[in-house]
N, C-alpha and C. Protein backbone atom coordinates (compact mmCIF):
# COMPACT_ATOMS: atom_id res chain seq x y z
N MET A 1 88.88 99.57 -32.64
CA MET A 1 89.35 99.03 -33.92
C MET A 1 90.33 97.88 -33.69
N THR A 2 90.23 96.87 -34.53
CA THR A 2 91.21 95.80 -34.50
C THR A 2 92.48 96.29 -35.21
N LYS A 3 93.57 95.55 -35.06
CA LYS A 3 94.81 95.92 -35.73
C LYS A 3 94.60 95.95 -37.25
N THR A 4 93.88 94.97 -37.78
CA THR A 4 93.62 94.92 -39.21
C THR A 4 92.85 96.15 -39.67
N GLU A 5 91.86 96.56 -38.89
CA GLU A 5 91.06 97.74 -39.23
C GLU A 5 91.92 99.01 -39.17
N LYS A 6 92.82 99.08 -38.21
CA LYS A 6 93.71 100.24 -38.10
C LYS A 6 94.64 100.33 -39.30
N VAL A 7 95.18 99.19 -39.71
CA VAL A 7 96.05 99.16 -40.89
C VAL A 7 95.28 99.60 -42.13
N SER A 8 94.07 99.09 -42.28
CA SER A 8 93.25 99.46 -43.43
C SER A 8 92.93 100.96 -43.42
N PHE A 9 92.65 101.51 -42.24
CA PHE A 9 92.35 102.94 -42.13
C PHE A 9 93.56 103.77 -42.53
N ALA A 10 94.73 103.38 -42.04
CA ALA A 10 95.96 104.12 -42.37
C ALA A 10 96.21 104.08 -43.88
N ILE A 11 96.09 102.91 -44.48
CA ILE A 11 96.33 102.77 -45.92
C ILE A 11 95.35 103.61 -46.72
N SER A 12 94.06 103.51 -46.41
CA SER A 12 93.05 104.23 -47.19
C SER A 12 93.21 105.74 -47.04
N THR A 13 93.57 106.20 -45.83
CA THR A 13 93.77 107.63 -45.61
C THR A 13 94.97 108.13 -46.40
N LEU A 14 96.06 107.38 -46.37
CA LEU A 14 97.27 107.76 -47.12
C LEU A 14 97.00 107.79 -48.63
N GLN A 15 96.23 106.82 -49.11
CA GLN A 15 95.93 106.78 -50.54
C GLN A 15 95.05 107.95 -50.97
N GLN A 16 94.16 108.38 -50.08
CA GLN A 16 93.31 109.54 -50.38
C GLN A 16 94.13 110.83 -50.40
N LEU A 17 95.06 110.94 -49.45
CA LEU A 17 95.87 112.14 -49.36
C LEU A 17 96.93 112.22 -50.45
N TYR A 18 97.47 111.06 -50.82
CA TYR A 18 98.58 111.04 -51.79
C TYR A 18 98.31 110.06 -52.92
N PRO A 19 97.30 110.36 -53.77
CA PRO A 19 97.04 109.47 -54.91
C PRO A 19 98.19 109.46 -55.90
N GLU A 20 98.87 110.61 -56.00
CA GLU A 20 100.09 110.70 -56.80
C GLU A 20 101.22 111.06 -55.83
N ILE A 21 102.29 110.29 -55.88
CA ILE A 21 103.32 110.41 -54.85
C ILE A 21 104.59 111.02 -55.43
N PRO A 22 104.96 112.23 -54.98
CA PRO A 22 106.21 112.82 -55.46
C PRO A 22 107.42 112.06 -54.93
N ILE A 23 108.45 111.95 -55.75
CA ILE A 23 109.70 111.34 -55.32
C ILE A 23 110.56 112.44 -54.68
N PRO A 24 111.00 112.24 -53.43
CA PRO A 24 111.69 113.32 -52.70
C PRO A 24 113.00 113.78 -53.33
N LEU A 25 113.78 112.87 -53.88
CA LEU A 25 115.10 113.22 -54.41
C LEU A 25 115.08 113.24 -55.94
N ASP A 26 115.53 114.36 -56.51
CA ASP A 26 115.58 114.49 -57.96
C ASP A 26 116.66 113.57 -58.54
N HIS A 27 116.33 112.85 -59.59
CA HIS A 27 117.30 111.98 -60.24
C HIS A 27 116.79 111.63 -61.63
N LYS A 28 117.67 111.09 -62.47
CA LYS A 28 117.26 110.73 -63.83
C LYS A 28 117.45 109.25 -64.13
N ASP A 29 118.19 108.53 -63.27
CA ASP A 29 118.43 107.11 -63.50
C ASP A 29 118.90 106.47 -62.19
N PRO A 30 119.09 105.16 -62.17
CA PRO A 30 119.48 104.49 -60.92
C PRO A 30 120.78 105.03 -60.32
N TYR A 31 121.74 105.38 -61.17
CA TYR A 31 123.02 105.87 -60.64
C TYR A 31 122.85 107.21 -59.92
N THR A 32 122.17 108.15 -60.55
CA THR A 32 122.01 109.46 -59.91
C THR A 32 121.13 109.35 -58.66
N LEU A 33 120.19 108.41 -58.66
CA LEU A 33 119.39 108.18 -57.45
C LEU A 33 120.28 107.63 -56.33
N LEU A 34 121.12 106.66 -56.67
CA LEU A 34 122.03 106.07 -55.68
C LEU A 34 122.91 107.14 -55.04
N ILE A 35 123.48 108.02 -55.85
CA ILE A 35 124.35 109.07 -55.34
C ILE A 35 123.55 110.06 -54.49
N ALA A 36 122.35 110.42 -54.95
CA ALA A 36 121.52 111.36 -54.22
C ALA A 36 121.11 110.80 -52.86
N VAL A 37 120.74 109.53 -52.81
CA VAL A 37 120.34 108.91 -51.54
C VAL A 37 121.53 108.84 -50.59
N LEU A 38 122.68 108.47 -51.12
CA LEU A 38 123.90 108.45 -50.30
C LEU A 38 124.17 109.84 -49.71
N MET A 39 124.01 110.87 -50.51
CA MET A 39 124.26 112.24 -50.06
C MET A 39 123.24 112.69 -49.00
N SER A 40 122.06 112.09 -49.01
CA SER A 40 120.98 112.56 -48.13
C SER A 40 121.12 112.10 -46.68
N ALA A 41 122.07 111.22 -46.40
CA ALA A 41 122.26 110.74 -45.02
C ALA A 41 122.55 111.91 -44.08
N GLN A 42 121.72 112.04 -43.05
CA GLN A 42 121.85 113.12 -42.06
C GLN A 42 121.85 114.50 -42.71
N SER A 43 121.13 114.61 -43.80
CA SER A 43 120.96 115.89 -44.48
C SER A 43 119.48 116.00 -44.83
N THR A 44 119.11 116.99 -45.63
CA THR A 44 117.72 117.15 -46.05
C THR A 44 117.61 116.97 -47.56
N ASP A 45 116.44 116.53 -48.00
CA ASP A 45 116.22 116.35 -49.42
C ASP A 45 116.35 117.68 -50.16
N VAL A 46 115.88 118.76 -49.53
CA VAL A 46 115.96 120.08 -50.16
C VAL A 46 117.41 120.45 -50.44
N ARG A 47 118.28 120.23 -49.45
CA ARG A 47 119.69 120.58 -49.63
C ARG A 47 120.34 119.70 -50.69
N VAL A 48 120.03 118.40 -50.65
CA VAL A 48 120.60 117.48 -51.65
C VAL A 48 120.14 117.87 -53.05
N ASN A 49 118.88 118.23 -53.19
CA ASN A 49 118.36 118.61 -54.51
C ASN A 49 118.99 119.90 -55.04
N LYS A 50 119.57 120.69 -54.15
CA LYS A 50 120.29 121.89 -54.59
C LYS A 50 121.74 121.57 -54.98
N ILE A 51 122.36 120.65 -54.25
CA ILE A 51 123.78 120.36 -54.44
C ILE A 51 124.02 119.29 -55.50
N ALA A 52 123.15 118.28 -55.55
CA ALA A 52 123.37 117.17 -56.49
C ALA A 52 123.52 117.63 -57.94
N PRO A 53 122.71 118.59 -58.42
CA PRO A 53 122.90 119.03 -59.82
C PRO A 53 124.28 119.61 -60.10
N LEU A 54 124.91 120.21 -59.08
CA LEU A 54 126.26 120.75 -59.27
C LEU A 54 127.26 119.61 -59.49
N LEU A 55 127.07 118.53 -58.75
CA LEU A 55 127.93 117.36 -58.93
C LEU A 55 127.64 116.68 -60.26
N PHE A 56 126.34 116.50 -60.58
CA PHE A 56 125.97 115.79 -61.79
C PHE A 56 126.31 116.58 -63.06
N ALA A 57 126.46 117.87 -62.93
CA ALA A 57 126.88 118.67 -64.09
C ALA A 57 128.30 118.29 -64.52
N LYS A 58 129.08 117.84 -63.55
CA LYS A 58 130.45 117.39 -63.84
C LYS A 58 130.52 115.89 -64.10
N ALA A 59 129.67 115.14 -63.39
CA ALA A 59 129.72 113.68 -63.52
C ALA A 59 128.38 113.09 -63.11
N ASP A 60 127.62 112.60 -64.10
CA ASP A 60 126.34 111.97 -63.80
C ASP A 60 126.35 110.48 -64.13
N ASN A 61 127.55 109.92 -64.21
CA ASN A 61 127.71 108.49 -64.44
C ASN A 61 129.05 108.08 -63.81
N PRO A 62 129.21 106.79 -63.52
CA PRO A 62 130.43 106.37 -62.82
C PRO A 62 131.72 106.61 -63.59
N PHE A 63 131.66 106.54 -64.91
CA PHE A 63 132.86 106.73 -65.73
C PHE A 63 133.40 108.15 -65.60
N ASP A 64 132.50 109.13 -65.58
CA ASP A 64 132.92 110.52 -65.40
C ASP A 64 133.26 110.81 -63.94
N MET A 65 132.57 110.13 -63.01
CA MET A 65 132.79 110.40 -61.59
C MET A 65 134.22 110.03 -61.18
N VAL A 66 134.74 108.91 -61.68
CA VAL A 66 136.10 108.51 -61.28
C VAL A 66 137.18 109.39 -61.91
N LYS A 67 136.78 110.23 -62.87
CA LYS A 67 137.74 111.20 -63.42
C LYS A 67 137.97 112.36 -62.45
N LEU A 68 137.02 112.53 -61.51
CA LEU A 68 137.19 113.53 -60.47
C LEU A 68 137.99 112.91 -59.32
N SER A 69 138.65 113.72 -58.56
CA SER A 69 139.33 113.21 -57.37
C SER A 69 138.35 113.23 -56.20
N VAL A 70 138.67 112.47 -55.16
CA VAL A 70 137.84 112.48 -53.95
C VAL A 70 137.74 113.90 -53.40
N GLU A 71 138.83 114.64 -53.48
CA GLU A 71 138.85 116.02 -52.97
C GLU A 71 137.92 116.92 -53.78
N GLU A 72 137.87 116.72 -55.09
CA GLU A 72 136.97 117.53 -55.93
C GLU A 72 135.51 117.22 -55.60
N ILE A 73 135.21 115.94 -55.42
CA ILE A 73 133.84 115.55 -55.06
C ILE A 73 133.48 116.14 -53.70
N ARG A 74 134.41 116.03 -52.77
CA ARG A 74 134.18 116.54 -51.42
C ARG A 74 133.87 118.03 -51.42
N GLU A 75 134.60 118.78 -52.21
CA GLU A 75 134.41 120.23 -52.25
C GLU A 75 133.02 120.59 -52.77
N ILE A 76 132.54 119.83 -53.74
CA ILE A 76 131.22 120.11 -54.32
C ILE A 76 130.10 119.78 -53.35
N ILE A 77 130.22 118.65 -52.66
CA ILE A 77 129.11 118.17 -51.83
C ILE A 77 129.22 118.61 -50.37
N LYS A 78 130.18 119.43 -50.06
CA LYS A 78 130.41 119.85 -48.68
C LYS A 78 129.15 120.37 -47.98
N PRO A 79 128.27 121.14 -48.66
CA PRO A 79 127.09 121.67 -47.98
C PRO A 79 126.10 120.62 -47.45
N VAL A 80 126.16 119.38 -47.97
CA VAL A 80 125.21 118.38 -47.49
C VAL A 80 125.67 117.71 -46.20
N GLY A 81 126.91 117.96 -45.79
CA GLY A 81 127.42 117.38 -44.56
C GLY A 81 128.07 116.02 -44.76
N LEU A 82 128.92 115.66 -43.82
CA LEU A 82 129.64 114.37 -43.85
C LEU A 82 130.37 114.16 -45.17
N SER A 83 130.88 115.24 -45.73
CA SER A 83 131.48 115.16 -47.07
C SER A 83 132.73 114.28 -47.16
N PRO A 84 133.56 114.18 -46.11
CA PRO A 84 134.72 113.28 -46.23
C PRO A 84 134.31 111.83 -46.49
N MET A 85 133.35 111.35 -45.71
CA MET A 85 132.89 109.97 -45.87
C MET A 85 132.12 109.79 -47.17
N LYS A 86 131.23 110.73 -47.47
CA LYS A 86 130.39 110.60 -48.66
C LYS A 86 131.20 110.69 -49.95
N SER A 87 132.18 111.57 -50.00
CA SER A 87 132.99 111.71 -51.22
C SER A 87 133.79 110.44 -51.48
N LYS A 88 134.35 109.85 -50.43
CA LYS A 88 135.06 108.58 -50.60
C LYS A 88 134.11 107.48 -51.06
N GLY A 89 132.90 107.47 -50.50
CA GLY A 89 131.92 106.47 -50.90
C GLY A 89 131.50 106.62 -52.34
N ILE A 90 131.25 107.86 -52.77
CA ILE A 90 130.83 108.12 -54.15
C ILE A 90 131.91 107.68 -55.14
N TYR A 91 133.15 108.05 -54.84
CA TYR A 91 134.25 107.66 -55.72
C TYR A 91 134.44 106.14 -55.71
N GLY A 92 134.44 105.56 -54.51
CA GLY A 92 134.69 104.13 -54.38
C GLY A 92 133.62 103.28 -55.04
N LEU A 93 132.35 103.61 -54.83
CA LEU A 93 131.30 102.80 -55.45
C LEU A 93 131.27 102.98 -56.96
N SER A 94 131.63 104.18 -57.43
CA SER A 94 131.67 104.41 -58.88
C SER A 94 132.73 103.53 -59.53
N LYS A 95 133.86 103.42 -58.87
CA LYS A 95 134.95 102.57 -59.37
C LYS A 95 134.54 101.10 -59.42
N ILE A 96 133.85 100.66 -58.37
CA ILE A 96 133.40 99.27 -58.31
C ILE A 96 132.34 98.99 -59.38
N LEU A 97 131.43 99.95 -59.58
CA LEU A 97 130.41 99.77 -60.61
C LEU A 97 131.04 99.57 -61.99
N ILE A 98 132.11 100.29 -62.25
CA ILE A 98 132.81 100.14 -63.54
C ILE A 98 133.51 98.78 -63.62
N GLU A 99 134.20 98.43 -62.55
CA GLU A 99 135.01 97.21 -62.55
C GLU A 99 134.17 95.93 -62.53
N LYS A 100 133.06 95.94 -61.81
CA LYS A 100 132.28 94.72 -61.62
C LYS A 100 130.98 94.66 -62.40
N TYR A 101 130.41 95.83 -62.72
CA TYR A 101 129.06 95.83 -63.30
C TYR A 101 128.95 96.65 -64.60
N ASP A 102 130.08 96.88 -65.26
CA ASP A 102 130.08 97.63 -66.53
C ASP A 102 129.42 98.99 -66.39
N GLY A 103 129.54 99.57 -65.21
CA GLY A 103 129.00 100.91 -64.98
C GLY A 103 127.53 100.95 -64.64
N GLU A 104 126.89 99.78 -64.56
CA GLU A 104 125.46 99.73 -64.25
C GLU A 104 125.24 99.49 -62.74
N VAL A 105 124.16 100.04 -62.23
CA VAL A 105 123.79 99.82 -60.82
C VAL A 105 123.07 98.48 -60.71
N PRO A 106 123.55 97.57 -59.87
CA PRO A 106 122.88 96.27 -59.74
C PRO A 106 121.50 96.40 -59.10
N LYS A 107 120.60 95.49 -59.47
CA LYS A 107 119.24 95.51 -58.93
C LYS A 107 119.13 94.73 -57.62
N ASP A 108 120.12 93.94 -57.33
CA ASP A 108 120.09 93.08 -56.15
C ASP A 108 120.46 93.88 -54.90
N ILE A 109 119.61 93.86 -53.90
CA ILE A 109 119.82 94.68 -52.71
C ILE A 109 121.09 94.26 -51.96
N GLU A 110 121.39 92.96 -51.96
CA GLU A 110 122.60 92.49 -51.27
C GLU A 110 123.87 93.00 -51.97
N LEU A 111 123.84 93.04 -53.29
CA LEU A 111 124.99 93.56 -54.05
C LEU A 111 125.16 95.06 -53.82
N LEU A 112 124.06 95.77 -53.73
CA LEU A 112 124.12 97.20 -53.45
C LEU A 112 124.73 97.46 -52.08
N GLU A 113 124.37 96.64 -51.12
CA GLU A 113 124.86 96.82 -49.74
C GLU A 113 126.36 96.57 -49.63
N GLU A 114 126.93 95.90 -50.63
CA GLU A 114 128.38 95.65 -50.63
C GLU A 114 129.17 96.88 -51.09
N LEU A 115 128.49 97.85 -51.69
CA LEU A 115 129.17 99.04 -52.20
C LEU A 115 129.55 99.97 -51.05
N PRO A 116 130.66 100.71 -51.18
CA PRO A 116 131.09 101.63 -50.12
C PRO A 116 130.01 102.66 -49.78
N ALA A 117 129.80 102.89 -48.49
CA ALA A 117 128.89 103.91 -47.97
C ALA A 117 127.42 103.64 -48.29
N VAL A 118 127.10 102.43 -48.77
CA VAL A 118 125.72 102.08 -49.07
C VAL A 118 125.19 101.12 -48.00
N GLY A 119 124.27 101.61 -47.19
CA GLY A 119 123.66 100.78 -46.16
C GLY A 119 122.35 100.19 -46.64
N HIS A 120 121.69 99.51 -45.73
CA HIS A 120 120.45 98.82 -46.09
C HIS A 120 119.36 99.78 -46.55
N LYS A 121 119.24 100.92 -45.85
CA LYS A 121 118.20 101.87 -46.22
C LYS A 121 118.44 102.43 -47.63
N THR A 122 119.68 102.84 -47.90
CA THR A 122 120.01 103.37 -49.22
C THR A 122 119.73 102.34 -50.31
N ALA A 123 120.15 101.11 -50.08
CA ALA A 123 119.92 100.04 -51.05
C ALA A 123 118.43 99.80 -51.26
N SER A 124 117.66 99.86 -50.19
CA SER A 124 116.21 99.64 -50.27
C SER A 124 115.54 100.74 -51.09
N VAL A 125 115.97 101.99 -50.88
CA VAL A 125 115.41 103.10 -51.65
C VAL A 125 115.69 102.91 -53.14
N VAL A 126 116.90 102.52 -53.47
CA VAL A 126 117.29 102.37 -54.87
C VAL A 126 116.49 101.27 -55.55
N VAL A 127 116.39 100.11 -54.92
CA VAL A 127 115.67 99.01 -55.58
C VAL A 127 114.18 99.34 -55.73
N SER A 128 113.63 100.06 -54.75
CA SER A 128 112.19 100.36 -54.81
C SER A 128 111.89 101.47 -55.80
N GLN A 129 112.67 102.56 -55.75
CA GLN A 129 112.35 103.73 -56.57
C GLN A 129 112.96 103.67 -57.97
N ALA A 130 114.08 103.01 -58.11
CA ALA A 130 114.72 102.94 -59.43
C ALA A 130 114.27 101.72 -60.23
N PHE A 131 114.00 100.62 -59.53
CA PHE A 131 113.69 99.38 -60.23
C PHE A 131 112.30 98.82 -59.95
N GLY A 132 111.56 99.46 -59.04
CA GLY A 132 110.20 98.99 -58.76
C GLY A 132 110.13 97.68 -58.02
N ILE A 133 111.23 97.28 -57.40
CA ILE A 133 111.26 96.04 -56.62
C ILE A 133 110.72 96.33 -55.22
N PRO A 134 109.77 95.55 -54.70
CA PRO A 134 109.18 95.84 -53.40
C PRO A 134 110.23 95.88 -52.28
N ALA A 135 110.22 96.99 -51.55
CA ALA A 135 111.11 97.17 -50.40
C ALA A 135 110.43 98.16 -49.47
N PHE A 136 110.92 98.25 -48.24
CA PHE A 136 110.30 99.19 -47.30
C PHE A 136 111.39 99.92 -46.53
N PRO A 137 112.04 100.91 -47.16
CA PRO A 137 113.07 101.68 -46.46
C PRO A 137 112.47 102.43 -45.28
N VAL A 138 113.13 102.37 -44.15
CA VAL A 138 112.63 103.03 -42.94
C VAL A 138 113.50 104.24 -42.60
N ASP A 139 112.88 105.43 -42.63
CA ASP A 139 113.59 106.62 -42.18
C ASP A 139 112.99 107.09 -40.86
N THR A 140 113.39 108.27 -40.39
CA THR A 140 112.93 108.73 -39.08
C THR A 140 111.42 108.97 -39.04
N HIS A 141 110.84 109.40 -40.17
CA HIS A 141 109.39 109.63 -40.21
C HIS A 141 108.63 108.31 -40.06
N ILE A 142 109.05 107.30 -40.80
CA ILE A 142 108.39 106.00 -40.72
C ILE A 142 108.59 105.38 -39.34
N GLN A 143 109.78 105.50 -38.80
CA GLN A 143 110.05 104.99 -37.47
C GLN A 143 109.10 105.63 -36.45
N ARG A 144 108.95 106.95 -36.55
CA ARG A 144 108.10 107.68 -35.60
C ARG A 144 106.63 107.31 -35.75
N LEU A 145 106.14 107.25 -36.99
CA LEU A 145 104.72 107.00 -37.20
C LEU A 145 104.33 105.55 -36.94
N MET A 146 105.19 104.64 -37.28
CA MET A 146 104.89 103.23 -36.97
C MET A 146 104.73 103.04 -35.46
N TYR A 147 105.51 103.81 -34.69
CA TYR A 147 105.36 103.74 -33.23
C TYR A 147 104.08 104.46 -32.78
N ARG A 148 103.87 105.67 -33.28
CA ARG A 148 102.68 106.43 -32.88
C ARG A 148 101.39 105.68 -33.19
N TRP A 149 101.38 104.99 -34.32
CA TRP A 149 100.18 104.27 -34.73
C TRP A 149 100.04 102.91 -34.05
N GLY A 150 101.03 102.51 -33.28
CA GLY A 150 100.97 101.23 -32.59
C GLY A 150 101.27 100.04 -33.48
N PHE A 151 101.96 100.30 -34.60
CA PHE A 151 102.29 99.23 -35.54
C PHE A 151 103.66 98.62 -35.27
N SER A 152 104.47 99.27 -34.44
CA SER A 152 105.80 98.76 -34.10
C SER A 152 106.19 99.32 -32.74
N ASN A 153 107.14 98.64 -32.09
CA ASN A 153 107.56 99.10 -30.76
C ASN A 153 108.56 100.25 -30.81
N GLY A 154 109.06 100.55 -32.01
CA GLY A 154 109.95 101.69 -32.18
C GLY A 154 111.35 101.51 -31.63
N LYS A 155 111.74 100.28 -31.31
CA LYS A 155 113.05 100.05 -30.72
C LYS A 155 114.19 100.26 -31.71
N ASN A 156 114.01 99.81 -32.93
CA ASN A 156 115.06 99.99 -33.94
C ASN A 156 114.47 99.85 -35.33
N VAL A 157 115.21 100.33 -36.33
CA VAL A 157 114.68 100.35 -37.70
C VAL A 157 114.53 98.94 -38.27
N VAL A 158 115.35 98.01 -37.80
CA VAL A 158 115.25 96.63 -38.28
C VAL A 158 113.90 96.04 -37.91
N GLN A 159 113.50 96.24 -36.65
CA GLN A 159 112.21 95.74 -36.19
C GLN A 159 111.07 96.47 -36.87
N THR A 160 111.21 97.78 -37.04
CA THR A 160 110.16 98.57 -37.70
C THR A 160 109.95 98.10 -39.13
N GLU A 161 111.04 97.87 -39.86
CA GLU A 161 110.92 97.37 -41.23
C GLU A 161 110.25 96.00 -41.26
N ARG A 162 110.63 95.15 -40.33
CA ARG A 162 110.04 93.80 -40.26
C ARG A 162 108.53 93.89 -39.99
N ASP A 163 108.14 94.78 -39.07
CA ASP A 163 106.73 94.95 -38.74
C ASP A 163 105.95 95.52 -39.92
N ALA A 164 106.54 96.51 -40.61
CA ALA A 164 105.87 97.12 -41.76
C ALA A 164 105.63 96.08 -42.85
N LYS A 165 106.63 95.27 -43.11
CA LYS A 165 106.50 94.26 -44.16
C LYS A 165 105.48 93.18 -43.78
N ARG A 166 105.34 92.96 -42.49
CA ARG A 166 104.37 91.97 -42.02
C ARG A 166 102.94 92.51 -42.11
N LEU A 167 102.77 93.79 -41.81
CA LEU A 167 101.43 94.39 -41.72
C LEU A 167 100.87 94.83 -43.07
N PHE A 168 101.74 95.37 -43.93
CA PHE A 168 101.27 95.98 -45.18
C PHE A 168 101.42 95.02 -46.35
N PRO A 169 100.46 95.01 -47.28
CA PRO A 169 100.57 94.15 -48.48
C PRO A 169 101.82 94.50 -49.29
N LYS A 170 102.51 93.48 -49.76
CA LYS A 170 103.77 93.68 -50.46
C LYS A 170 103.63 94.57 -51.67
N GLU A 171 102.51 94.47 -52.37
CA GLU A 171 102.32 95.26 -53.59
C GLU A 171 102.16 96.76 -53.29
N LEU A 172 101.99 97.11 -52.01
CA LEU A 172 101.84 98.52 -51.62
C LEU A 172 103.09 99.10 -50.97
N TRP A 173 104.10 98.28 -50.73
CA TRP A 173 105.27 98.76 -49.98
C TRP A 173 105.90 100.00 -50.60
N ASN A 174 106.13 99.97 -51.90
CA ASN A 174 106.86 101.07 -52.53
C ASN A 174 106.10 102.39 -52.46
N ASP A 175 104.78 102.32 -52.58
CA ASP A 175 103.97 103.54 -52.43
C ASP A 175 103.87 103.94 -50.96
N LEU A 176 103.60 102.99 -50.10
CA LEU A 176 103.34 103.30 -48.70
C LEU A 176 104.53 103.95 -47.99
N HIS A 177 105.73 103.48 -48.25
CA HIS A 177 106.85 104.05 -47.52
C HIS A 177 107.02 105.53 -47.89
N LEU A 178 106.72 105.89 -49.13
CA LEU A 178 106.78 107.30 -49.52
C LEU A 178 105.59 108.08 -48.97
N GLN A 179 104.41 107.47 -49.00
CA GLN A 179 103.22 108.15 -48.47
C GLN A 179 103.37 108.44 -46.98
N ILE A 180 103.94 107.50 -46.24
CA ILE A 180 104.14 107.72 -44.80
C ILE A 180 105.15 108.83 -44.56
N ILE A 181 106.20 108.88 -45.36
CA ILE A 181 107.20 109.95 -45.22
C ILE A 181 106.55 111.31 -45.43
N TRP A 182 105.78 111.46 -46.50
CA TRP A 182 105.12 112.74 -46.77
C TRP A 182 104.12 113.08 -45.68
N TYR A 183 103.39 112.07 -45.21
CA TYR A 183 102.41 112.31 -44.14
C TYR A 183 103.12 112.77 -42.86
N GLY A 184 104.23 112.12 -42.55
CA GLY A 184 104.99 112.50 -41.36
C GLY A 184 105.48 113.93 -41.43
N ARG A 185 105.94 114.33 -42.59
CA ARG A 185 106.43 115.70 -42.76
C ARG A 185 105.31 116.73 -42.65
N GLU A 186 104.15 116.41 -43.22
CA GLU A 186 103.08 117.39 -43.32
C GLU A 186 102.10 117.38 -42.14
N TYR A 187 101.84 116.21 -41.57
CA TYR A 187 100.78 116.11 -40.57
C TYR A 187 101.23 115.58 -39.21
N SER A 188 102.35 114.88 -39.16
CA SER A 188 102.75 114.26 -37.90
C SER A 188 104.25 114.40 -37.65
N PRO A 189 104.74 115.66 -37.59
CA PRO A 189 106.18 115.88 -37.41
C PRO A 189 106.64 115.58 -35.99
N ALA A 190 107.93 115.48 -35.82
CA ALA A 190 108.49 115.26 -34.48
C ALA A 190 108.33 116.52 -33.64
N ARG A 191 108.49 117.69 -34.26
CA ARG A 191 108.36 118.96 -33.55
C ARG A 191 107.20 119.76 -34.12
N GLY A 192 106.56 120.54 -33.25
CA GLY A 192 105.43 121.35 -33.69
C GLY A 192 104.24 120.50 -34.10
N TRP A 193 104.09 119.37 -33.44
CA TRP A 193 103.04 118.41 -33.77
C TRP A 193 101.69 118.90 -33.28
N ASN A 194 100.70 118.96 -34.17
CA ASN A 194 99.34 119.34 -33.83
C ASN A 194 98.44 118.13 -34.11
N LEU A 195 98.00 117.49 -33.05
CA LEU A 195 97.24 116.25 -33.20
C LEU A 195 95.93 116.47 -33.97
N ASP A 196 95.37 117.68 -33.89
CA ASP A 196 94.12 117.96 -34.60
C ASP A 196 94.30 117.82 -36.11
N ASN A 197 95.52 118.05 -36.60
CA ASN A 197 95.81 117.91 -38.03
C ASN A 197 96.20 116.49 -38.43
N ASP A 198 96.45 115.67 -37.43
CA ASP A 198 96.99 114.32 -37.65
C ASP A 198 95.87 113.29 -37.50
N VAL A 199 95.05 113.16 -38.54
CA VAL A 199 93.84 112.33 -38.46
C VAL A 199 94.15 110.86 -38.20
N ILE A 200 95.25 110.36 -38.74
CA ILE A 200 95.55 108.94 -38.56
C ILE A 200 95.91 108.65 -37.10
N THR A 201 96.85 109.41 -36.55
CA THR A 201 97.24 109.17 -35.16
C THR A 201 96.07 109.44 -34.22
N LYS A 202 95.31 110.47 -34.49
CA LYS A 202 94.17 110.82 -33.63
C LYS A 202 93.14 109.69 -33.62
N THR A 203 93.02 108.97 -34.74
CA THR A 203 92.02 107.91 -34.86
C THR A 203 92.52 106.56 -34.35
N ILE A 204 93.78 106.22 -34.65
CA ILE A 204 94.25 104.86 -34.33
C ILE A 204 95.48 104.84 -33.42
N GLY A 205 95.99 106.01 -33.04
CA GLY A 205 97.25 106.08 -32.28
C GLY A 205 97.20 105.33 -30.96
N ARG A 206 98.37 104.85 -30.54
CA ARG A 206 98.44 104.13 -29.26
C ARG A 206 98.13 105.08 -28.11
N LYS A 207 97.51 104.57 -27.08
CA LYS A 207 97.02 105.41 -25.97
C LYS A 207 98.15 106.15 -25.28
N THR A 208 99.30 105.52 -25.11
CA THR A 208 100.40 106.19 -24.42
C THR A 208 100.86 107.42 -25.19
N VAL A 209 100.86 107.35 -26.51
CA VAL A 209 101.26 108.49 -27.35
C VAL A 209 100.26 109.62 -27.20
N LEU A 210 98.97 109.29 -27.25
CA LEU A 210 97.93 110.31 -27.14
C LEU A 210 97.93 110.93 -25.74
N ASN A 211 98.09 110.10 -24.71
CA ASN A 211 98.12 110.62 -23.35
C ASN A 211 99.31 111.55 -23.13
N ASP A 212 100.47 111.16 -23.65
CA ASP A 212 101.67 112.01 -23.53
C ASP A 212 101.45 113.34 -24.24
N TYR A 213 100.80 113.29 -25.39
CA TYR A 213 100.55 114.52 -26.15
C TYR A 213 99.68 115.48 -25.34
N TYR A 214 98.59 114.95 -24.77
CA TYR A 214 97.67 115.82 -24.03
C TYR A 214 98.28 116.31 -22.73
N LYS A 215 99.14 115.52 -22.11
CA LYS A 215 99.84 115.97 -20.90
C LYS A 215 100.76 117.15 -21.22
N LYS A 216 101.49 117.05 -22.32
CA LYS A 216 102.39 118.14 -22.72
C LYS A 216 101.60 119.39 -23.06
N LEU A 217 100.43 119.16 -23.69
CA LEU A 217 99.58 120.29 -24.07
C LEU A 217 99.08 121.03 -22.82
N LYS A 218 98.67 120.28 -21.79
CA LYS A 218 98.19 120.90 -20.55
C LYS A 218 99.31 121.63 -19.82
N SER A 219 100.52 121.07 -19.86
CA SER A 219 101.65 121.70 -19.15
C SER A 219 102.04 123.05 -19.75
N ARG A 220 101.68 123.26 -21.02
CA ARG A 220 102.01 124.53 -21.66
C ARG A 220 101.03 125.63 -21.32
N LYS A 221 99.86 125.24 -20.81
CA LYS A 221 98.82 126.21 -20.50
C LYS A 221 99.06 126.89 -19.14
């Protein structure tokens, strides 16, 4: 297969598997999505989806959030991890949203990245999922699969994002980044990987990845 054919195969397979794409983090508007994504750093979507409603019951907008103290926010979100940093970020960005944007979340990715505790990935998720603006947030699943499929060298997320945007049509970015995440979780995980279930990697995966897989499989026998 040529690179173009491999990309087409990956896209068509993902579209067949995920014609309707669930959004991993529960939210009702751009602000609650922004807070949920911030909370998800080095945590799991399942845990965030359990804890975020407890926070949003007290404050689901920046005006109510700044009425809480950083310590109160920290106590609520402690189970998601990194609560000292995240609570300061949640309070700080809420204050800035009120002061600079009348409490609204900006649609501009550069403006989002200026907010406390908001990195490029978080900003990319917000613009793509809340506003429908094409972006390609790269998480560990996308990083892993882009390497396994031979679409990126896997050196860093910046390069992986650049490669994804170069290879995939812009109008598909918002769907594809979610489809790849779900595929990585269900069919091509980092641990407990069964290549027989991973049709995309088995069909188009780079030879070094496939060879390493079969070597590990033989060593276990």
